[in-house]
Amino acid sequence: MHSHLTSWRTRITAGASAAVLSAFALTASVQAADPNTPVDAIRTATPIKHVIIIVGENRSFDHLFATYVPRHAEEGIRNLLSEGIVNADGTPGHHFARAHQYQISSAPNGGKFFSSAGLANKTLYGTLPPPDLNGVGAVSPYVGIVSLPGGDPGLPPEDQSLFGTGGTGLSSTLGPDMRITNVNALPPGPFQLTGPDMPFDAFTGDTIHQYFQMVQQMDCAMDAEHVSRSNPTGCLHDLQSAVTTTYSTPHDTGQTMAFFNMQSGDAPLLKSLADQYTMTDNYHQPVMGGTGPDSQPLGFADQVFFSRRHQQPLQRQLLQHLQPV
């Protein structure tokens, strides 16, 4: 998979994942700003008065905006649709092979931890491992809120019923998610998650999102098999499902490759925001790993570090010569 899919790490979580973290003014001198002055009246270095950060927890750019088309012709975007990897109807495009996923056929690096796999160690999937329910229940875990007096104060009365939607309606919580069209015969690459039996706001199976597994899924190396003029990063992103199905995560399967289809009406709120405002397309996260290390830079522009009381951070923050097995 080429470098434009560096942000491809899709994690399909159960529940709404977008959260507004902050709205603040960009001021020329924050200390000098009068807290009693209306925000719109504060002098700023640019016309920008507010910055709203929407964090799609466990959702990548291509997972949400795979088929988004900019509202204005002069605007550009690089996503699965623009690259010809998928078509507007969600089917594989003429460049679908760029996103092919491979299975591990023989253990790389002598069976020890690996960060890349050569062609001798992997084989193209015939079909994608069927996306799994991975514990998602038949009914919404938030359905109880609907019966609370007044419901949830965060939503208007007319939207309270949404807490009761999204359950699978299935008798099992593990195994292939039969709501996905053609779930047992998906081509080995990105696939449209939604369909006649899967609305875009449904709960779906999560997948693994930990540092070492993410390193392996990216499949990065500086060699002739990985580096090319069109992909100088050396990261192929072709082991997404292989890592999740091979190493002790039996129900983290093909759901990593799912995407919403805005051409079919999915995620209308995010589409509306993209139509009206500037987006940082293809940005996913500051570091590989889970929620904790990726939340810190958003609030503090830095990572958590250890220090002795009232002293500078310790120089060595990581274990030396760490070799996971």
C-alpha atoms as a PDB file:
ATOM      1  CA  MET A   1       0.000   0.000   0.000  1.00  0.00           C
ATOM      2  CA  HIS A   2       1.427   3.341  -0.972  1.00  0.00           C
ATOM      3  CA  SER A   3       2.458   6.214   1.252  1.00  0.00           C
ATOM      4  CA  HIS A   4      -0.827   8.078   0.979  1.00  0.00           C
ATOM      5  CA  LEU A   5      -2.277   5.340   3.146  1.00  0.00           C
ATOM      6  CA  THR A   6       0.155   6.011   5.976  1.00  0.00           C
ATOM      7  CA  SER A   7      -2.893   7.082   7.923  1.00  0.00           C
ATOM      8  CA  TRP A   8      -4.825   3.966   7.083  1.00  0.00           C
ATOM      9  CA  ARG A   9      -4.920   2.434  10.584  1.00  0.00           C
ATOM     10  CA  THR A  10      -8.667   1.932  10.925  1.00  0.00           C
ATOM     11  CA  ARG A  11     -10.049   0.868  14.254  1.00  0.00           C
ATOM     12  CA  ILE A  12     -13.773   0.362  14.099  1.00  0.00           C
ATOM     13  CA  THR A  13     -14.982   1.191  17.576  1.00  0.00           C
ATOM     14  CA  ALA A  14     -18.395   0.620  19.057  1.00  0.00           C
ATOM     15  CA  GLY A  15     -20.125   3.954  19.359  1.00  0.00           C
ATOM     16  CA  ALA A  16     -19.822   7.506  18.246  1.00  0.00           C
ATOM     17  CA  SER A  17     -16.169   8.460  18.255  1.00  0.00           C
ATOM     18  CA  ALA A  18     -15.967  12.105  17.305  1.00  0.00           C
ATOM     19  CA  ALA A  19     -15.469  14.444  20.248  1.00  0.00           C
ATOM     20  CA  VAL A  20     -14.963  18.181  20.312  1.00  0.00           C
ATOM     21  CA  LEU A  21     -11.956  18.702  22.538  1.00  0.00           C
ATOM     22  CA  SER A  22     -11.515  22.422  22.542  1.00  0.00           C
ATOM     23  CA  ALA A  23     -12.503  25.764  21.118  1.00  0.00           C
ATOM     24  CA  PHE A  24     -10.113  28.574  21.735  1.00  0.00           C
ATOM     25  CA  ALA A  25      -8.877  31.831  20.288  1.00  0.00           C
ATOM     26  CA  LEU A  26      -5.492  32.162  18.685  1.00  0.00           C
ATOM     27  CA  THR A  27      -4.179  35.346  20.206  1.00  0.00           C
ATOM     28  CA  ALA A  28      -1.048  37.322  19.569  1.00  0.00           C
ATOM     29  CA  SER A  29      -0.461  37.509  23.317  1.00  0.00           C
ATOM     30  CA  VAL A  30      -2.379  35.007  25.399  1.00  0.00           C
ATOM     31  CA  GLN A  31      -1.257  36.449  28.720  1.00  0.00           C
ATOM     32  CA  ALA A  32      -2.497  39.904  27.750  1.00  0.00           C
ATOM     33  CA  ALA A  33      -5.975  38.736  26.738  1.00  0.00           C
ATOM     34  CA  ASP A  34      -8.721  40.081  28.996  1.00  0.00           C
ATOM     35  CA  PRO A  35     -10.855  37.133  30.155  1.00  0.00           C
ATOM     36  CA  ASN A  36     -13.886  39.424  30.183  1.00  0.00           C
ATOM     37  CA  THR A  37     -13.465  40.342  26.514  1.00  0.00           C
ATOM     38  CA  PRO A  38     -15.799  38.453  24.151  1.00  0.00           C
ATOM     39  CA  VAL A  39     -13.821  35.893  22.168  1.00  0.00           C
ATOM     40  CA  ASP A  40     -14.790  37.392  18.826  1.00  0.00           C
ATOM     41  CA  ALA A  41     -13.445  40.766  19.965  1.00  0.00           C
ATOM     42  CA  ILE A  42      -9.984  39.488  20.921  1.00  0.00           C
ATOM     43  CA  ARG A  43      -7.315  40.623  18.494  1.00  0.00           C
ATOM     44  CA  THR A  44      -5.711  37.723  16.646  1.00  0.00           C
ATOM     45  CA  ALA A  45      -2.815  37.469  14.214  1.00  0.00           C
ATOM     46  CA  THR A  46      -5.117  35.940  11.587  1.00  0.00           C
ATOM     47  CA  PRO A  47      -8.857  36.090  10.897  1.00  0.00           C
ATOM     48  CA  ILE A  48      -9.160  32.711  12.656  1.00  0.00           C
ATOM     49  CA  LYS A  49     -10.975  33.150  15.970  1.00  0.00           C
ATOM     50  CA  HIS A  50     -11.779  29.568  16.936  1.00  0.00           C
ATOM     51  CA  VAL A  51     -10.075  26.206  16.475  1.00  0.00           C
ATOM     52  CA  ILE A  52     -12.275  23.163  17.019  1.00  0.00           C
ATOM     53  CA  ILE A  53     -10.484  19.831  17.187  1.00  0.00           C
ATOM     54  CA  ILE A  54     -12.607  16.794  16.348  1.00  0.00           C
ATOM     55  CA  VAL A  55     -10.885  13.630  17.470  1.00  0.00           C
ATOM     56  CA  GLY A  56     -12.062  10.506  15.674  1.00  0.00           C
ATOM     57  CA  GLU A  57     -10.979   8.000  18.305  1.00  0.00           C
ATOM     58  CA  ASN A  58      -9.678   4.877  16.548  1.00  0.00           C
ATOM     59  CA  ARG A  59     -10.835   6.186  13.183  1.00  0.00           C
ATOM     60  CA  SER A  60      -8.453   7.037  10.370  1.00  0.00           C
ATOM     61  CA  PHE A  61      -8.878   9.557   7.577  1.00  0.00           C
ATOM     62  CA  ASP A  62      -9.489   6.954   4.883  1.00  0.00           C
ATOM     63  CA  HIS A  63     -11.921   5.094   7.120  1.00  0.00           C
ATOM     64  CA  LEU A  64     -14.133   8.181   7.295  1.00  0.00           C
ATOM     65  CA  PHE A  65     -13.324  10.118   4.115  1.00  0.00           C
ATOM     66  CA  ALA A  66     -12.445   7.297   1.701  1.00  0.00           C
ATOM     67  CA  THR A  67     -14.877   8.523  -0.968  1.00  0.00           C
ATOM     68  CA  TYR A  68     -15.242  12.187  -0.026  1.00  0.00           C
ATOM     69  CA  VAL A  69     -15.217  14.621  -2.956  1.00  0.00           C
ATOM     70  CA  PRO A  70     -14.442  18.293  -2.183  1.00  0.00           C
ATOM     71  CA  ARG A  71     -17.300  20.690  -2.624  1.00  0.00           C
ATOM     72  CA  HIS A  72     -15.302  23.035  -4.856  1.00  0.00           C
ATOM     73  CA  ALA A  73     -13.574  21.893  -8.033  1.00  0.00           C
ATOM     74  CA  GLU A  74     -10.378  23.813  -7.248  1.00  0.00           C
ATOM     75  CA  GLU A  75      -9.914  21.862  -4.013  1.00  0.00           C
ATOM     76  CA  GLY A  76      -8.039  18.588  -3.963  1.00  0.00           C
ATOM     77  CA  ILE A  77      -7.975  15.532  -1.765  1.00  0.00           C
ATOM     78  CA  ARG A  78      -6.006  12.303  -1.637  1.00  0.00           C
ATOM     79  CA  ASN A  79      -8.119   9.374  -0.550  1.00  0.00           C
ATOM     80  CA  LEU A  80      -9.140   5.918  -1.722  1.00  0.00           C
ATOM     81  CA  LEU A  81     -11.493   7.330  -4.345  1.00  0.00           C
ATOM     82  CA  SER A  82      -9.122   9.910  -5.809  1.00  0.00           C
ATOM     83  CA  GLU A  83      -6.360   7.276  -6.062  1.00  0.00           C
ATOM     84  CA  GLY A  84      -8.602   4.829  -7.892  1.00  0.00           C
ATOM     85  CA  ILE A  85      -8.350   2.241  -5.131  1.00  0.00           C
ATOM     86  CA  VAL A  86     -12.138   2.170  -4.748  1.00  0.00           C
ATOM     87  CA  ASN A  87     -14.997   3.455  -6.866  1.00  0.00           C
ATOM     88  CA  ALA A  88     -17.728   5.834  -5.765  1.00  0.00           C
ATOM     89  CA  ASP A  89     -20.058   2.889  -5.191  1.00  0.00           C
ATOM     90  CA  GLY A  90     -17.548   1.296  -2.811  1.00  0.00           C
ATOM     91  CA  THR A  91     -16.401  -1.462  -5.155  1.00  0.00           C
ATOM     92  CA  PRO A  92     -12.693  -2.074  -5.936  1.00  0.00           C
ATOM     93  CA  GLY A  93     -11.211   0.474  -8.330  1.00  0.00           C
ATOM     94  CA  HIS A  94      -8.652   0.080 -11.103  1.00  0.00           C
ATOM     95  CA  HIS A  95      -5.796   0.632  -8.622  1.00  0.00           C
ATOM     96  CA  PHE A  96      -7.194  -1.669  -5.938  1.00  0.00           C
ATOM     97  CA  ALA A  97      -3.985  -3.725  -5.994  1.00  0.00           C
ATOM     98  CA  ARG A  98      -2.174  -0.835  -4.284  1.00  0.00           C
ATOM     99  CA  ALA A  99      -4.105  -1.692  -1.135  1.00  0.00           C
ATOM    100  CA  HIS A 100      -3.808  -5.467  -1.322  1.00  0.00           C
ATOM    101  CA  GLN A 101      -3.412  -7.260   1.983  1.00  0.00           C
ATOM    102  CA  TYR A 102      -1.102 -10.215   2.542  1.00  0.00           C
ATOM    103  CA  GLN A 103      -1.015 -13.085   5.002  1.00  0.00           C
ATOM    104  CA  ILE A 104       2.139 -14.295   6.726  1.00  0.00           C
ATOM    105  CA  SER A 105       3.181 -17.547   5.019  1.00  0.00           C
ATOM    106  CA  SER A 106       6.467 -18.017   6.890  1.00  0.00           C
ATOM    107  CA  ALA A 107       7.708 -16.260  10.002  1.00  0.00           C
ATOM    108  CA  PRO A 108       9.930 -13.253   9.208  1.00  0.00           C
ATOM    109  CA  ASN A 109      13.126 -12.596  11.168  1.00  0.00           C
ATOM    110  CA  GLY A 110      13.511 -16.199  12.243  1.00  0.00           C
ATOM    111  CA  GLY A 111      10.315 -16.125  14.267  1.00  0.00           C
ATOM    112  CA  LYS A 112      11.409 -13.180  16.395  1.00  0.00           C
ATOM    113  CA  PHE A 113       9.749  -9.771  16.459  1.00  0.00           C
ATOM    114  CA  PHE A 114       9.731  -8.212  12.999  1.00  0.00           C
ATOM    115  CA  SER A 115       8.946  -4.780  11.618  1.00  0.00           C
ATOM    116  CA  SER A 116       8.767  -5.816   7.957  1.00  0.00           C
ATOM    117  CA  ALA A 117       8.185  -8.880   5.823  1.00  0.00           C
ATOM    118  CA  GLY A 118       9.660  -9.700   2.429  1.00  0.00           C
ATOM    119  CA  LEU A 119       7.737 -11.249  -0.439  1.00  0.00           C
ATOM    120  CA  ALA A 120       9.192 -14.617   0.509  1.00  0.00           C
ATOM    121  CA  ASN A 121       7.357 -14.411   3.842  1.00  0.00           C
ATOM    122  CA  LYS A 122       3.898 -13.357   2.691  1.00  0.00           C
ATOM    123  CA  THR A 123       1.147 -14.404   0.306  1.00  0.00           C
ATOM    124  CA  LEU A 124      -1.764 -12.382  -1.062  1.00  0.00           C
ATOM    125  CA  TYR A 125      -5.051 -13.236   0.624  1.00  0.00           C
ATOM    126  CA  GLY A 126      -7.584 -14.899  -1.661  1.00  0.00           C
ATOM    127  CA  THR A 127     -10.315 -13.149   0.301  1.00  0.00           C
ATOM    128  CA  LEU A 128     -10.027 -10.825   3.273  1.00  0.00           C
ATOM    129  CA  PRO A 129     -10.405 -12.482   6.698  1.00  0.00           C
ATOM    130  CA  PRO A 130     -14.114 -11.978   7.490  1.00  0.00           C
ATOM    131  CA  PRO A 131     -14.623  -8.891   9.683  1.00  0.00           C
ATOM    132  CA  ASP A 132     -15.645 -10.081  13.140  1.00  0.00           C
ATOM    133  CA  LEU A 133     -18.288  -8.913  15.601  1.00  0.00           C
ATOM    134  CA  ASN A 134     -15.576  -9.005  18.255  1.00  0.00           C
ATOM    135  CA  GLY A 135     -17.917  -8.735  21.218  1.00  0.00           C
ATOM    136  CA  VAL A 136     -20.492  -6.237  19.935  1.00  0.00           C
ATOM    137  CA  GLY A 137     -23.894  -6.922  21.492  1.00  0.00           C
ATOM    138  CA  ALA A 138     -27.362  -7.332  20.079  1.00  0.00           C
ATOM    139  CA  VAL A 139     -28.583  -4.075  21.650  1.00  0.00           C
ATOM    140  CA  SER A 140     -26.915  -0.752  22.326  1.00  0.00           C
ATOM    141  CA  PRO A 141     -24.959  -0.665  25.613  1.00  0.00           C
ATOM    142  CA  TYR A 142     -26.434   2.801  26.156  1.00  0.00           C
ATOM    143  CA  VAL A 143     -30.077   1.843  25.774  1.00  0.00           C
ATOM    144  CA  GLY A 144     -30.649   2.368  29.513  1.00  0.00           C
ATOM    145  CA  ILE A 145     -30.141   6.108  29.103  1.00  0.00           C
ATOM    146  CA  VAL A 146     -33.363   6.282  27.105  1.00  0.00           C
ATOM    147  CA  SER A 147     -35.385   5.369  30.200  1.00  0.00           C
ATOM    148  CA  LEU A 148     -33.668   7.837  32.553  1.00  0.00           C
ATOM    149  CA  PRO A 149     -35.720  10.893  33.576  1.00  0.00           C
ATOM    150  CA  GLY A 150     -34.586  13.656  31.265  1.00  0.00           C
ATOM    151  CA  GLY A 151     -32.196  11.328  29.466  1.00  0.00           C
ATOM    152  CA  ASP A 152     -28.696  12.598  28.769  1.00  0.00           C
ATOM    153  CA  PRO A 153     -28.320  16.387  29.114  1.00  0.00           C
ATOM    154  CA  GLY A 154     -25.804  16.383  26.284  1.00  0.00           C
ATOM    155  CA  LEU A 155     -28.414  15.671  23.617  1.00  0.00           C
ATOM    156  CA  PRO A 156     -31.671  17.454  22.786  1.00  0.00           C
ATOM    157  CA  PRO A 157     -34.890  15.565  23.574  1.00  0.00           C
ATOM    158  CA  GLU A 158     -35.550  14.662  19.948  1.00  0.00           C
ATOM    159  CA  ASP A 159     -32.196  12.839  19.732  1.00  0.00           C
ATOM    160  CA  GLN A 160     -32.409  10.813  22.962  1.00  0.00           C
ATOM    161  CA  SER A 161     -33.673   7.779  21.041  1.00  0.00           C
ATOM    162  CA  LEU A 162     -30.268   7.454  19.369  1.00  0.00           C
ATOM    163  CA  PHE A 163     -28.901   5.913  22.569  1.00  0.00           C
ATOM    164  CA  GLY A 164     -31.032   2.860  21.846  1.00  0.00           C
ATOM    165  CA  THR A 165     -29.849   2.314  18.271  1.00  0.00           C
ATOM    166  CA  GLY A 166     -26.799   0.589  16.812  1.00  0.00           C
ATOM    167  CA  GLY A 167     -27.072  -2.923  18.246  1.00  0.00           C
ATOM    168  CA  THR A 168     -26.381  -5.854  15.945  1.00  0.00           C
ATOM    169  CA  GLY A 169     -29.688  -7.632  16.466  1.00  0.00           C
ATOM    170  CA  LEU A 170     -27.730 -10.890  16.157  1.00  0.00           C
ATOM    171  CA  SER A 171     -27.746 -13.842  18.548  1.00  0.00           C
ATOM    172  CA  SER A 172     -23.939 -14.088  18.656  1.00  0.00           C
ATOM    173  CA  THR A 173     -21.274 -11.598  19.708  1.00  0.00           C
ATOM    174  CA  LEU A 174     -18.365 -13.350  17.965  1.00  0.00           C
ATOM    175  CA  GLY A 175     -17.760 -14.560  14.436  1.00  0.00           C
ATOM    176  CA  PRO A 176     -18.218 -12.930  11.013  1.00  0.00           C
ATOM    177  CA  ASP A 177     -20.394  -9.822  11.087  1.00  0.00           C
ATOM    178  CA  MET A 178     -23.210 -10.927   8.813  1.00  0.00           C
ATOM    179  CA  ARG A 179     -24.514  -7.373   8.517  1.00  0.00           C
ATOM    180  CA  ILE A 180     -21.618  -6.647   6.132  1.00  0.00           C
ATOM    181  CA  THR A 181     -22.485  -7.372   2.524  1.00  0.00           C
ATOM    182  CA  ASN A 182     -20.555 -10.377   1.173  1.00  0.00           C
ATOM    183  CA  VAL A 183     -18.686 -10.660   4.493  1.00  0.00           C
ATOM    184  CA  ASN A 184     -17.219 -14.105   3.792  1.00  0.00           C
ATOM    185  CA  ALA A 185     -15.983 -13.287   0.284  1.00  0.00           C
ATOM    186  CA  LEU A 186     -14.537  -9.774   0.473  1.00  0.00           C
ATOM    187  CA  PRO A 187     -11.622  -8.952  -1.849  1.00  0.00           C
ATOM    188  CA  PRO A 188      -8.256  -8.610  -0.052  1.00  0.00           C
ATOM    189  CA  GLY A 189      -8.291  -4.874   0.545  1.00  0.00           C
ATOM    190  CA  PRO A 190     -10.519  -1.951   1.586  1.00  0.00           C
ATOM    191  CA  PHE A 191     -14.247  -2.666   1.681  1.00  0.00           C
ATOM    192  CA  GLN A 192     -17.370  -0.608   2.332  1.00  0.00           C
ATOM    193  CA  LEU A 193     -18.597  -1.225   5.862  1.00  0.00           C
ATOM    194  CA  THR A 194     -22.134   0.031   5.400  1.00  0.00           C
ATOM    195  CA  GLY A 195     -24.940  -1.507   3.390  1.00  0.00           C
ATOM    196  CA  PRO A 196     -28.595  -2.552   3.514  1.00  0.00           C
ATOM    197  CA  ASP A 197     -28.110  -4.281   6.883  1.00  0.00           C
ATOM    198  CA  MET A 198     -25.429  -1.970   8.315  1.00  0.00           C
ATOM    199  CA  PRO A 199     -26.298   1.717   8.868  1.00  0.00           C
ATOM    200  CA  PHE A 200     -23.361   4.048   9.345  1.00  0.00           C
ATOM    201  CA  ASP A 201     -24.150   4.584  13.042  1.00  0.00           C
ATOM    202  CA  ALA A 202     -24.164   0.869  13.913  1.00  0.00           C
ATOM    203  CA  PHE A 203     -21.847  -0.611  16.524  1.00  0.00           C
ATOM    204  CA  THR A 204     -19.074  -2.665  14.922  1.00  0.00           C
ATOM    205  CA  GLY A 205     -16.102  -4.701  16.092  1.00  0.00           C
ATOM    206  CA  ASP A 206     -12.996  -2.972  17.371  1.00  0.00           C
ATOM    207  CA  THR A 207      -9.542  -4.042  16.269  1.00  0.00           C
ATOM    208  CA  ILE A 208      -6.115  -4.025  17.831  1.00  0.00           C
ATOM    209  CA  HIS A 209      -4.368  -0.676  18.311  1.00  0.00           C
ATOM    210  CA  GLN A 210      -1.132  -1.177  20.164  1.00  0.00           C
ATOM    211  CA  TYR A 211       2.333   0.068  19.338  1.00  0.00           C
ATOM    212  CA  PHE A 212       4.188  -3.119  18.417  1.00  0.00           C
ATOM    213  CA  GLN A 213       1.329  -4.523  16.335  1.00  0.00           C
ATOM    214  CA  MET A 214       1.014  -1.222  14.482  1.00  0.00           C
ATOM    215  CA  VAL A 215       4.721  -1.309  13.631  1.00  0.00           C
ATOM    216  CA  GLN A 216       4.249  -4.734  12.085  1.00  0.00           C
ATOM    217  CA  GLN A 217       1.097  -3.792  10.212  1.00  0.00           C
ATOM    218  CA  MET A 218       2.867  -0.896   8.511  1.00  0.00           C
ATOM    219  CA  ASP A 219       5.505  -3.266   7.076  1.00  0.00           C
ATOM    220  CA  CYS A 220       8.293  -0.701   6.679  1.00  0.00           C
ATOM    221  CA  ALA A 221      11.815  -1.369   5.404  1.00  0.00           C
ATOM    222  CA  MET A 222      14.538   0.336   3.411  1.00  0.00           C
ATOM    223  CA  ASP A 223      15.017  -2.230   0.651  1.00  0.00           C
ATOM    224  CA  ALA A 224      14.110  -2.726  -2.991  1.00  0.00           C
ATOM    225  CA  GLU A 225      10.891  -4.574  -2.162  1.00  0.00           C
ATOM    226  CA  HIS A 226       9.545  -1.756  -0.008  1.00  0.00           C
ATOM    227  CA  VAL A 227      10.965   1.488  -1.423  1.00  0.00           C
ATOM    228  CA  SER A 228      10.014   2.925  -4.807  1.00  0.00           C
ATOM    229  CA  ARG A 229       9.811   6.324  -6.478  1.00  0.00           C
ATOM    230  CA  SER A 230       6.080   6.413  -5.859  1.00  0.00           C
ATOM    231  CA  ASN A 231       6.493   5.229  -2.259  1.00  0.00           C
ATOM    232  CA  PRO A 232       9.782   6.514  -0.809  1.00  0.00           C
ATOM    233  CA  THR A 233       8.606   5.874   2.768  1.00  0.00           C
ATOM    234  CA  GLY A 234       9.263   2.158   2.515  1.00  0.00           C
ATOM    235  CA  CYS A 235       5.963   1.422   4.299  1.00  0.00           C
ATOM    236  CA  LEU A 236       3.584  -0.888   2.419  1.00  0.00           C
ATOM    237  CA  HIS A 237       0.747  -1.156   4.972  1.00  0.00           C
ATOM    238  CA  ASP A 238      -0.061  -4.577   3.590  1.00  0.00           C
ATOM    239  CA  LEU A 239      -0.105  -6.626   6.814  1.00  0.00           C
ATOM    240  CA  GLN A 240      -3.110  -5.016   8.480  1.00  0.00           C
ATOM    241  CA  SER A 241      -5.181  -8.182   8.773  1.00  0.00           C
ATOM    242  CA  ALA A 242      -2.232 -10.570   8.885  1.00  0.00           C
ATOM    243  CA  VAL A 243      -0.969  -9.181  12.168  1.00  0.00           C
ATOM    244  CA  THR A 244      -4.389  -9.060  13.799  1.00  0.00           C
ATOM    245  CA  THR A 245      -5.291 -12.640  12.820  1.00  0.00           C
ATOM    246  CA  THR A 246      -1.912 -14.299  13.375  1.00  0.00           C
ATOM    247  CA  TYR A 247      -0.753 -13.160  16.786  1.00  0.00           C
ATOM    248  CA  SER A 248      -3.186 -14.021  19.599  1.00  0.00           C
ATOM    249  CA  THR A 249      -5.995 -11.684  18.540  1.00  0.00           C
ATOM    250  CA  PRO A 250      -8.403 -14.158  16.884  1.00  0.00           C
ATOM    251  CA  HIS A 251     -11.337 -11.763  16.570  1.00  0.00           C
ATOM    252  CA  ASP A 252      -9.378  -8.741  15.304  1.00  0.00           C
ATOM    253  CA  THR A 253      -9.674  -9.679  11.668  1.00  0.00           C
ATOM    254  CA  GLY A 254     -10.621  -7.915   8.451  1.00  0.00           C
ATOM    255  CA  GLN A 255     -12.459  -4.997  10.062  1.00  0.00           C
ATOM    256  CA  THR A 256      -9.209  -3.032   9.922  1.00  0.00           C
ATOM    257  CA  MET A 257      -9.837  -2.413   6.207  1.00  0.00           C
ATOM    258  CA  ALA A 258     -13.392  -1.064   6.460  1.00  0.00           C
ATOM    259  CA  PHE A 259     -14.448   2.381   5.245  1.00  0.00           C
ATOM    260  CA  PHE A 260     -17.559   4.543   5.247  1.00  0.00           C
ATOM    261  CA  ASN A 261     -18.911   5.738   1.904  1.00  0.00           C
ATOM    262  CA  MET A 262     -19.905   9.401   1.878  1.00  0.00           C
ATOM    263  CA  GLN A 263     -21.075   8.969  -1.711  1.00  0.00           C
ATOM    264  CA  SER A 264     -23.804   6.753  -0.272  1.00  0.00           C
ATOM    265  CA  GLY A 265     -24.738   9.216   2.467  1.00  0.00           C
ATOM    266  CA  ASP A 266     -22.562   7.902   5.297  1.00  0.00           C
ATOM    267  CA  ALA A 267     -21.295  10.234   8.036  1.00  0.00           C
ATOM    268  CA  PRO A 268     -23.283  13.290   6.886  1.00  0.00           C
ATOM    269  CA  LEU A 269     -22.171  15.516   9.769  1.00  0.00           C
ATOM    270  CA  LEU A 270     -18.478  14.990   9.057  1.00  0.00           C
ATOM    271  CA  LYS A 271     -19.120  15.523   5.362  1.00  0.00           C
ATOM    272  CA  SER A 272     -20.871  18.800   6.147  1.00  0.00           C
ATOM    273  CA  LEU A 273     -17.913  19.958   8.232  1.00  0.00           C
ATOM    274  CA  ALA A 274     -15.507  18.994   5.452  1.00  0.00           C
ATOM    275  CA  ASP A 275     -17.602  20.955   2.955  1.00  0.00           C
ATOM    276  CA  GLN A 276     -17.450  24.092   5.086  1.00  0.00           C
ATOM    277  CA  TYR A 277     -14.031  24.027   6.717  1.00  0.00           C
ATOM    278  CA  THR A 278     -10.406  23.135   6.078  1.00  0.00           C
ATOM    279  CA  MET A 279      -9.371  19.598   6.978  1.00  0.00           C
ATOM    280  CA  THR A 280      -5.969  18.048   7.649  1.00  0.00           C
ATOM    281  CA  ASP A 281      -6.444  15.197   5.245  1.00  0.00           C
ATOM    282  CA  ASN A 282      -4.537  11.959   5.802  1.00  0.00           C
ATOM    283  CA  TYR A 283      -3.352  12.945   9.266  1.00  0.00           C
ATOM    284  CA  HIS A 284      -4.060  10.193  11.759  1.00  0.00           C
ATOM    285  CA  GLN A 285      -2.038  10.384  14.963  1.00  0.00           C
ATOM    286  CA  PRO A 286       1.221  11.791  16.366  1.00  0.00           C
ATOM    287  CA  VAL A 287       2.651   8.428  17.435  1.00  0.00           C
ATOM    288  CA  MET A 288       1.746   4.797  16.954  1.00  0.00           C
ATOM    289  CA  GLY A 289      -0.160   3.288  19.830  1.00  0.00           C
ATOM    290  CA  GLY A 290      -3.366   3.663  21.781  1.00  0.00           C
ATOM    291  CA  THR A 291      -5.373   6.491  23.283  1.00  0.00           C
ATOM    292  CA  GLY A 292      -2.996   7.667  26.015  1.00  0.00           C
ATOM    293  CA  PRO A 293       0.146   8.679  24.108  1.00  0.00           C
ATOM    294  CA  ASP A 294      -1.935  10.132  21.281  1.00  0.00           C
ATOM    295  CA  SER A 295      -4.123  12.288  23.507  1.00  0.00           C
ATOM    296  CA  GLN A 296      -1.251  14.042  25.258  1.00  0.00           C
ATOM    297  CA  PRO A 297       0.069  16.028  22.249  1.00  0.00           C
ATOM    298  CA  LEU A 298      -3.419  17.372  21.541  1.00  0.00           C
ATOM    299  CA  GLY A 299      -3.613  19.013  24.931  1.00  0.00           C
ATOM    300  CA  PHE A 300       0.014  19.762  25.716  1.00  0.00           C
ATOM    301  CA  ALA A 301       1.976  19.562  22.439  1.00  0.00           C
ATOM    302  CA  ASP A 302       4.260  17.111  24.211  1.00  0.00           C
ATOM    303  CA  GLN A 303       4.337  13.598  25.626  1.00  0.00           C
ATOM    304  CA  VAL A 304       4.100  12.567  29.265  1.00  0.00           C
ATOM    305  CA  PHE A 305       7.528  12.276  30.826  1.00  0.00           C
ATOM    306  CA  PHE A 306       8.996  11.317  34.182  1.00  0.00           C
ATOM    307  CA  SER A 307      11.039  13.669  36.322  1.00  0.00           C
ATOM    308  CA  ARG A 308      12.235  14.063  39.858  1.00  0.00           C
ATOM    309  CA  ARG A 309      10.239  16.608  41.791  1.00  0.00           C
ATOM    310  CA  HIS A 310      10.787  20.151  40.481  1.00  0.00           C
ATOM    311  CA  GLN A 311      13.625  18.983  38.239  1.00  0.00           C
ATOM    312  CA  GLN A 312      14.233  18.468  34.539  1.00  0.00           C
ATOM    313  CA  PRO A 313      12.884  15.340  32.825  1.00  0.00           C
ATOM    314  CA  LEU A 314      15.044  12.264  33.156  1.00  0.00           C
ATOM    315  CA  GLN A 315      17.218  11.738  30.096  1.00  0.00           C
ATOM    316  CA  ARG A 316      16.393   8.074  29.600  1.00  0.00           C
ATOM    317  CA  GLN A 317      12.643   7.650  29.367  1.00  0.00           C
ATOM    318  CA  LEU A 318      12.546   4.284  27.560  1.00  0.00           C
ATOM    319  CA  LEU A 319      13.873   0.844  28.321  1.00  0.00           C
ATOM    320  CA  GLN A 320      17.147   0.250  26.522  1.00  0.00           C
ATOM    321  CA  HIS A 321      17.495  -2.603  24.011  1.00  0.00           C
ATOM    322  CA  LEU A 322      13.864  -3.603  24.297  1.00  0.00           C
ATOM    323  CA  GLN A 323      13.306  -6.692  22.152  1.00  0.00           C
ATOM    324  CA  PRO A 324       9.739  -8.017  22.320  1.00  0.00           C
ATOM    325  CA  VAL A 325       9.198 -11.625  21.392  1.00  0.00           C
END
